[in-house]
Amino acid sequence: MSRTKFTRELIELIAGRFKALGEPARLNLLNALRGGEMTVNELVDATGLGQANVSKHLQSLYAAKFVDRRKEGLFTYYALADRDVFRLCDLMCGRIEEELAGHRKVLAAR
C-alpha cells in the first residue's frame, strides 16, 4: 500500500477526482460505459437522464480524466479513460457490504 505524503497540490487534485465521483448521475454514466464507448444519445437511453444533463456530467468526467472522447462525423463517442475507477467503486461496495452484514447481525440478535 502506498504511503505517499499528500502535498497541498496533490490534495486538491485528489479532492477534484472524488468530487467528480460524488454525483450519482456520473457514476451511472461510468457504469453505462463499462460495456464500451457510447454516444450522448446512447447514454441518454441507457441511463434515463436528459440529454443536457448527460452532456454536463460527461464534461465533468472528461475534465477529471475519467472518460475519453472522440469525434466521428456528427457524433462524439465517449469511453472510459481508465477502468481503475471501478477498483475504487469495488472497495466502497465491499465496505458497504461489510457494514450491512454487521447491521443485519445486530437486527437478527434482537
Protein backbone atom coordinates (compact mmCIF):
# COMPACT_ATOMS: atom_id res chain seq x y z
CA MET A 1 0.00 0.00 0.00
CA SER A 2 1.34 3.39 -0.97
CA ARG A 3 2.24 5.83 1.76
CA THR A 4 2.52 8.91 -0.44
CA LYS A 5 2.73 12.11 1.56
CA PHE A 6 -0.02 14.41 0.38
CA THR A 7 1.11 17.84 -0.71
CA ARG A 8 -1.39 20.68 -0.89
CA GLU A 9 -1.47 20.35 -4.69
CA LEU A 10 -2.00 16.60 -4.52
CA ILE A 11 -4.82 17.03 -2.01
CA GLU A 12 -6.57 19.44 -4.39
CA LEU A 13 -6.22 17.00 -7.30
CA ILE A 14 -7.50 14.06 -5.28
CA ALA A 15 -10.43 16.07 -3.95
CA GLY A 16 -11.33 17.10 -7.50
CA ARG A 17 -11.37 13.48 -8.63
CA PHE A 18 -13.54 12.39 -5.71
CA LYS A 19 -15.84 15.35 -6.28
CA ALA A 20 -16.37 14.16 -9.85
CA LEU A 21 -17.38 10.75 -8.49
CA GLY A 22 -19.63 12.22 -5.81
CA GLU A 23 -22.57 12.67 -8.17
CA PRO A 24 -24.82 9.61 -8.70
CA ALA A 25 -25.54 10.60 -12.31
CA ARG A 26 -21.81 10.48 -13.10
CA LEU A 27 -21.45 7.04 -11.54
CA ASN A 28 -24.45 5.96 -13.61
CA LEU A 29 -22.72 7.20 -16.78
CA LEU A 30 -19.46 5.46 -15.91
CA ASN A 31 -21.37 2.26 -15.25
CA ALA A 32 -23.10 2.54 -18.64
CA LEU A 33 -19.71 2.97 -20.32
CA ARG A 34 -18.44 -0.33 -18.87
CA GLY A 35 -19.76 -2.07 -21.98
CA GLY A 36 -17.82 0.15 -24.37
CA GLU A 37 -17.95 3.54 -25.99
CA MET A 38 -21.28 5.28 -26.49
CA THR A 39 -22.68 8.49 -27.92
CA VAL A 40 -24.56 11.02 -25.82
CA ASN A 41 -27.86 9.76 -27.27
CA GLU A 42 -26.98 6.18 -26.38
CA LEU A 43 -26.08 7.28 -22.85
CA VAL A 44 -29.39 9.13 -22.56
CA ASP A 45 -31.20 5.91 -23.50
CA ALA A 46 -29.04 3.75 -21.21
CA THR A 47 -29.35 5.97 -18.13
CA GLY A 48 -32.72 7.70 -18.47
CA LEU A 49 -31.03 11.04 -17.85
CA GLY A 50 -31.82 14.05 -20.03
CA GLN A 51 -29.53 15.00 -22.90
CA ALA A 52 -28.40 18.29 -21.35
CA ASN A 53 -27.75 16.55 -18.03
CA VAL A 54 -25.71 13.79 -19.69
CA SER A 55 -23.65 16.33 -21.62
CA LYS A 56 -22.96 18.38 -18.48
CA HIS A 57 -21.85 15.35 -16.46
CA LEU A 58 -19.73 13.97 -19.30
CA GLN A 59 -17.91 17.29 -19.40
CA SER A 60 -17.08 16.93 -15.69
CA LEU A 61 -15.96 13.33 -16.15
CA TYR A 62 -13.81 14.35 -19.12
CA ALA A 63 -12.22 17.21 -17.16
CA ALA A 64 -11.43 14.76 -14.33
CA LYS A 65 -9.92 12.36 -16.90
CA PHE A 66 -12.39 9.55 -16.18
CA VAL A 67 -13.62 9.46 -19.79
CA ASP A 68 -12.10 9.98 -23.22
CA ARG A 69 -13.96 11.22 -26.27
CA ARG A 70 -13.53 11.10 -30.00
CA LYS A 71 -15.43 12.70 -32.87
CA GLU A 72 -16.67 10.70 -35.82
CA GLY A 73 -18.74 12.71 -38.26
CA LEU A 74 -21.57 14.36 -36.34
CA PHE A 75 -21.19 12.13 -33.31
CA THR A 76 -18.95 12.26 -30.27
CA TYR A 77 -18.17 8.90 -28.71
CA TYR A 78 -17.33 8.60 -25.03
CA ALA A 79 -15.38 5.76 -23.42
CA LEU A 80 -13.77 5.02 -20.10
CA ALA A 81 -10.32 6.57 -19.92
CA ASP A 82 -9.21 4.10 -17.26
CA ARG A 83 -11.10 1.17 -15.74
CA ASP A 84 -9.28 1.69 -12.42
CA VAL A 85 -12.17 3.89 -11.31
CA PHE A 86 -14.10 0.67 -10.73
CA ARG A 87 -11.44 -0.51 -8.29
CA LEU A 88 -12.44 2.46 -6.12
CA CYS A 89 -16.10 1.54 -6.51
CA ASP A 90 -15.39 -2.10 -5.65
CA LEU A 91 -13.55 -1.03 -2.48
CA MET A 92 -16.51 1.11 -1.44
CA CYS A 93 -19.02 -1.63 -2.31
CA GLY A 94 -17.04 -4.09 -0.20
CA ARG A 95 -17.06 -1.69 2.72
CA ILE A 96 -20.81 -1.07 2.39
CA GLU A 97 -21.47 -4.84 2.26
CA GLU A 98 -19.45 -5.33 5.47
CA GLU A 99 -21.42 -2.58 7.21
CA LEU A 100 -24.74 -4.05 6.05
CA ALA A 101 -23.72 -7.50 7.28
CA GLY A 102 -22.94 -6.00 10.68
CA HIS A 103 -26.31 -4.26 10.80
CA ARG A 104 -28.07 -7.49 9.84
CA LYS A 105 -26.31 -9.32 12.68
CA VAL A 106 -27.43 -6.71 15.17
CA LEU A 107 -31.02 -6.83 13.91
CA ALA A 108 -31.08 -10.64 13.92
CA ALA A 109 -29.90 -10.69 17.54
CA ARG A 110 -32.90 -8.63 18.70
